[in-house]
Amino acid sequence: PESEVMTMIQNKVPEINEALNILDVLSKDKAAREIYENRKKAMMDEISNLEWAREEGLEKGKRIEKLEIARKLKNKGYSSEDIIAITELSIEEIKSL
């Protein structure tokens, strides 16, 4: 009965079946296990790099947006103090616009 339940689960959840296949291969073959672990590490490293790049891109985008807002405020005659308060940019950054 237990194997019948497992078979039903495998048929309904493809991820379970895939995981069991991987487990079967890895439990029998040390070289395959090492390849799998190296691939898994490479995938995790890639995910980490992509997350870092995404965060960097978001930060760069926020900075560009602040500079654009500051430029617009400066062109409308806002004081440097007001622009600093609104954008949180430095006085040097505002003067360079």
C-alpha atoms as a PDB file:
ATOM      1  CA  PRO A   1       0.000   0.000   0.000  1.00  0.00           C
ATOM      2  CA  GLU A   2       2.832   2.445   0.804  1.00  0.00           C
ATOM      3  CA  SER A   3       4.402   1.962  -2.622  1.00  0.00           C
ATOM      4  CA  GLU A   4       0.983   2.517  -4.222  1.00  0.00           C
ATOM      5  CA  VAL A   5       0.695   5.852  -2.452  1.00  0.00           C
ATOM      6  CA  MET A   6       4.206   6.797  -3.533  1.00  0.00           C
ATOM      7  CA  THR A   7       3.425   5.856  -7.130  1.00  0.00           C
ATOM      8  CA  MET A   8       0.285   8.005  -7.043  1.00  0.00           C
ATOM      9  CA  ILE A   9       2.278  10.949  -5.677  1.00  0.00           C
ATOM     10  CA  GLN A  10       4.994  10.498  -8.303  1.00  0.00           C
ATOM     11  CA  ASN A  11       2.392  10.509 -11.059  1.00  0.00           C
ATOM     12  CA  LYS A  12       0.680  13.644  -9.767  1.00  0.00           C
ATOM     13  CA  VAL A  13       3.740  15.675  -8.767  1.00  0.00           C
ATOM     14  CA  PRO A  14       6.429  15.597 -11.465  1.00  0.00           C
ATOM     15  CA  GLU A  15       8.924  17.379  -9.197  1.00  0.00           C
ATOM     16  CA  ILE A  16       8.764  14.485  -6.717  1.00  0.00           C
ATOM     17  CA  ASN A  17       9.453  12.020  -9.489  1.00  0.00           C
ATOM     18  CA  GLU A  18      12.388  14.107 -10.715  1.00  0.00           C
ATOM     19  CA  ALA A  19      13.813  14.382  -7.196  1.00  0.00           C
ATOM     20  CA  LEU A  20      13.533  10.630  -6.679  1.00  0.00           C
ATOM     21  CA  ASN A  21      15.306   9.987  -9.978  1.00  0.00           C
ATOM     22  CA  ILE A  22      18.128  12.334  -8.962  1.00  0.00           C
ATOM     23  CA  LEU A  23      18.355  10.684  -5.561  1.00  0.00           C
ATOM     24  CA  ASP A  24      18.554   7.265  -7.165  1.00  0.00           C
ATOM     25  CA  VAL A  25      21.392   8.327  -9.491  1.00  0.00           C
ATOM     26  CA  LEU A  26      23.315  10.169  -6.796  1.00  0.00           C
ATOM     27  CA  SER A  27      23.048   7.427  -4.246  1.00  0.00           C
ATOM     28  CA  LYS A  28      24.672   4.960  -6.655  1.00  0.00           C
ATOM     29  CA  ASP A  29      27.382   7.010  -8.327  1.00  0.00           C
ATOM     30  CA  LYS A  30      29.940   9.152  -6.477  1.00  0.00           C
ATOM     31  CA  ALA A  31      31.085  10.890  -9.689  1.00  0.00           C
ATOM     32  CA  ALA A  32      27.495  11.741 -10.625  1.00  0.00           C
ATOM     33  CA  ARG A  33      26.914  13.085  -7.115  1.00  0.00           C
ATOM     34  CA  GLU A  34      29.981  15.306  -7.408  1.00  0.00           C
ATOM     35  CA  ILE A  35      28.850  16.600 -10.809  1.00  0.00           C
ATOM     36  CA  TYR A  36      25.412  17.292  -9.377  1.00  0.00           C
ATOM     37  CA  GLU A  37      26.826  19.142  -6.371  1.00  0.00           C
ATOM     38  CA  ASN A  38      29.106  21.244  -8.601  1.00  0.00           C
ATOM     39  CA  ARG A  39      26.206  22.080 -10.906  1.00  0.00           C
ATOM     40  CA  LYS A  40      24.004  22.959  -7.957  1.00  0.00           C
ATOM     41  CA  LYS A  41      26.717  25.258  -6.560  1.00  0.00           C
ATOM     42  CA  ALA A  42      27.169  26.923  -9.953  1.00  0.00           C
ATOM     43  CA  MET A  43      23.429  27.524 -10.195  1.00  0.00           C
ATOM     44  CA  MET A  44      23.320  29.007  -6.694  1.00  0.00           C
ATOM     45  CA  ASP A  45      26.290  31.248  -7.533  1.00  0.00           C
ATOM     46  CA  GLU A  46      24.532  32.425 -10.689  1.00  0.00           C
ATOM     47  CA  ILE A  47      21.354  33.202  -8.753  1.00  0.00           C
ATOM     48  CA  SER A  48      23.391  35.131  -6.203  1.00  0.00           C
ATOM     49  CA  ASN A  49      25.150  37.101  -8.952  1.00  0.00           C
ATOM     50  CA  LEU A  50      21.850  37.927 -10.624  1.00  0.00           C
ATOM     51  CA  GLU A  51      20.348  39.103  -7.342  1.00  0.00           C
ATOM     52  CA  TRP A  52      23.396  41.287  -6.702  1.00  0.00           C
ATOM     53  CA  ALA A  53      23.227  42.743 -10.224  1.00  0.00           C
ATOM     54  CA  ARG A  54      19.514  43.444  -9.786  1.00  0.00           C
ATOM     55  CA  GLU A  55      20.127  45.280  -6.519  1.00  0.00           C
ATOM     56  CA  GLU A  56      22.973  47.267  -8.075  1.00  0.00           C
ATOM     57  CA  GLY A  57      20.732  48.197 -11.001  1.00  0.00           C
ATOM     58  CA  LEU A  58      17.949  49.316  -8.699  1.00  0.00           C
ATOM     59  CA  GLU A  59      20.350  51.460  -6.661  1.00  0.00           C
ATOM     60  CA  LYS A  60      21.777  53.026  -9.827  1.00  0.00           C
ATOM     61  CA  GLY A  61      18.267  53.710 -11.103  1.00  0.00           C
ATOM     62  CA  LYS A  62      17.285  55.394  -7.842  1.00  0.00           C
ATOM     63  CA  ARG A  63      20.369  57.585  -7.996  1.00  0.00           C
ATOM     64  CA  ILE A  64      19.686  58.618 -11.586  1.00  0.00           C
ATOM     65  CA  GLU A  65      16.104  59.422 -10.652  1.00  0.00           C
ATOM     66  CA  LYS A  66      17.239  61.578  -7.726  1.00  0.00           C
ATOM     67  CA  LEU A  67      19.610  63.480 -10.005  1.00  0.00           C
ATOM     68  CA  GLU A  68      16.867  64.044 -12.586  1.00  0.00           C
ATOM     69  CA  ILE A  69      14.492  65.314  -9.893  1.00  0.00           C
ATOM     70  CA  ALA A  70      17.200  67.574  -8.483  1.00  0.00           C
ATOM     71  CA  ARG A  71      17.908  68.975 -11.965  1.00  0.00           C
ATOM     72  CA  LYS A  72      14.218  69.742 -12.483  1.00  0.00           C
ATOM     73  CA  LEU A  73      13.910  71.351  -9.062  1.00  0.00           C
ATOM     74  CA  LYS A  74      17.013  73.449  -9.703  1.00  0.00           C
ATOM     75  CA  ASN A  75      15.625  74.587 -13.073  1.00  0.00           C
ATOM     76  CA  LYS A  76      12.394  75.632 -11.328  1.00  0.00           C
ATOM     77  CA  GLY A  77      14.344  77.792  -8.924  1.00  0.00           C
ATOM     78  CA  TYR A  78      14.280  75.683  -5.771  1.00  0.00           C
ATOM     79  CA  SER A  79      17.013  76.434  -3.265  1.00  0.00           C
ATOM     80  CA  SER A  80      19.861  73.992  -2.765  1.00  0.00           C
ATOM     81  CA  GLU A  81      18.657  73.389   0.787  1.00  0.00           C
ATOM     82  CA  ASP A  82      15.189  72.398  -0.439  1.00  0.00           C
ATOM     83  CA  ILE A  83      16.669  70.124  -3.101  1.00  0.00           C
ATOM     84  CA  ILE A  84      18.902  68.459  -0.488  1.00  0.00           C
ATOM     85  CA  ALA A  85      15.897  67.922   1.783  1.00  0.00           C
ATOM     86  CA  ILE A  86      13.830  66.421  -1.042  1.00  0.00           C
ATOM     87  CA  THR A  87      16.445  64.283  -2.805  1.00  0.00           C
ATOM     88  CA  GLU A  88      18.963  63.605  -0.004  1.00  0.00           C
ATOM     89  CA  LEU A  89      21.784  64.447  -2.418  1.00  0.00           C
ATOM     90  CA  SER A  90      24.874  66.303  -1.298  1.00  0.00           C
ATOM     91  CA  ILE A  91      25.464  69.976  -1.953  1.00  0.00           C
ATOM     92  CA  GLU A  92      28.346  69.043  -4.266  1.00  0.00           C
ATOM     93  CA  GLU A  93      26.064  66.820  -6.336  1.00  0.00           C
ATOM     94  CA  ILE A  94      23.485  69.571  -6.638  1.00  0.00           C
ATOM     95  CA  LYS A  95      26.046  72.217  -7.567  1.00  0.00           C
ATOM     96  CA  SER A  96      27.393  69.959 -10.319  1.00  0.00           C
ATOM     97  CA  LEU A  97      24.012  69.879 -12.075  1.00  0.00           C
END
